[in-house]
């Protein structure tokens, strides 16, 4: 894949993640449910990491650092789902 096409596709994914973060942030403002806030943060982290990845063109030595951001993203999503399914005390 050419570097230009790769950068365009990475930018498109970053934009889609940012839009998803805005939607979840809007839902959080309406409901004040932590589930939506955690999803908004997760997608914002994903958008920023993909934007930086598109600009940086990292060497193979730096690539594992970008996986830490993805680990944080998926960890937030798992935490949101686990928190939502946790039984509530009366």
Protein backbone atom coordinates (compact mmCIF):
# COMPACT_ATOMS: atom_id res chain seq x y z
CA UNK A 1 0.00 0.00 0.00
CA UNK A 2 1.39 3.40 -0.89
CA UNK A 3 2.33 5.77 1.95
CA UNK A 4 -0.14 8.41 0.72
CA UNK A 5 -3.07 6.00 0.64
CA UNK A 6 -2.10 4.64 4.04
CA UNK A 7 -2.06 8.18 5.49
CA UNK A 8 -5.46 8.98 3.97
CA UNK A 9 -7.02 5.79 5.33
CA UNK A 10 -5.48 6.37 8.77
CA UNK A 11 -6.90 9.90 8.75
CA UNK A 12 -10.33 8.62 7.79
CA UNK A 13 -10.31 6.12 10.64
CA UNK A 14 -9.16 8.85 13.04
CA UNK A 15 -12.01 11.11 11.88
CA UNK A 16 -14.54 8.28 12.28
CA UNK A 17 -13.30 7.62 15.82
CA UNK A 18 -13.56 11.32 16.63
CA UNK A 19 -17.14 11.47 15.33
CA UNK A 20 -18.03 8.39 17.40
CA UNK A 21 -16.50 10.10 20.46
CA UNK A 22 -18.67 13.16 19.84
CA UNK A 23 -21.81 11.03 19.57
CA UNK A 24 -21.07 9.21 22.81
CA UNK A 25 -20.25 12.50 24.51
CA UNK A 26 -23.64 13.86 23.44
CA UNK A 27 -25.38 10.76 24.78
CA UNK A 28 -23.48 11.13 28.06
CA UNK A 29 -24.57 14.77 28.39
CA UNK A 30 -28.21 13.70 27.95
CA UNK A 31 -28.15 10.70 30.31
CA UNK A 32 -25.13 11.24 32.61
CA UNK A 33 -24.47 7.50 32.25
CA UNK A 34 -20.80 6.55 32.82
CA UNK A 35 -21.06 3.96 30.05
CA UNK A 36 -21.29 6.68 27.39
CA UNK A 37 -18.54 8.76 29.00
CA UNK A 38 -16.11 5.83 29.00
CA UNK A 39 -16.95 5.06 25.38
CA UNK A 40 -16.41 8.72 24.44
CA UNK A 41 -13.01 8.73 26.13
CA UNK A 42 -12.07 5.43 24.47
CA UNK A 43 -12.91 6.69 20.99
CA UNK A 44 -11.15 10.01 21.64
CA UNK A 45 -7.98 8.16 22.66
CA UNK A 46 -8.28 6.03 19.53
CA UNK A 47 -8.74 9.10 17.33
CA UNK A 48 -5.71 10.86 18.78
CA UNK A 49 -3.49 7.79 18.53
CA UNK A 50 -4.47 7.16 14.91
CA UNK A 51 -3.96 10.83 14.03
CA UNK A 52 -0.47 10.76 15.54
CA UNK A 53 0.24 7.44 13.85
CA UNK A 54 -0.73 8.95 10.49
CA UNK A 55 1.57 11.91 10.99
CA UNK A 56 4.52 10.15 12.59
CA UNK A 57 5.16 7.18 10.27
CA UNK A 58 6.96 5.41 13.14
CA UNK A 59 9.83 3.01 12.75
CA UNK A 60 9.36 -0.60 13.72
CA UNK A 61 10.96 0.18 17.11
CA UNK A 62 8.28 2.75 18.02
CA UNK A 63 5.22 0.77 16.88
CA UNK A 64 4.65 -1.00 20.23
CA UNK A 65 4.05 2.41 21.84
CA UNK A 66 0.99 2.87 19.64
CA UNK A 67 -0.37 -0.46 20.83
CA UNK A 68 -0.44 0.91 24.38
CA UNK A 69 -3.01 3.49 23.26
CA UNK A 70 -5.09 0.71 21.70
CA UNK A 71 -4.76 -1.30 24.91
CA UNK A 72 -6.09 1.71 26.82
CA UNK A 73 -8.93 2.10 24.31
CA UNK A 74 -10.07 -1.50 24.55
CA UNK A 75 -9.54 -1.52 28.31
CA UNK A 76 -11.90 1.45 28.65
CA UNK A 77 -14.50 -0.30 26.51
CA UNK A 78 -14.26 -3.47 28.60
CA UNK A 79 -14.47 -1.41 31.80
CA UNK A 80 -17.59 0.38 30.52
CA UNK A 81 -19.30 -2.90 29.66
CA UNK A 82 -18.32 -4.51 32.97
CA UNK A 83 -19.50 -1.45 34.91
CA UNK A 84 -22.83 -1.41 33.07
CA UNK A 85 -23.45 -5.11 33.78
CA UNK A 86 -22.44 -4.95 37.45
CA UNK A 87 -25.36 -5.51 39.80
CA UNK A 88 -26.47 -2.32 41.55
CA UNK A 89 -27.02 -2.08 45.28
CA UNK A 90 -30.42 -0.94 46.46
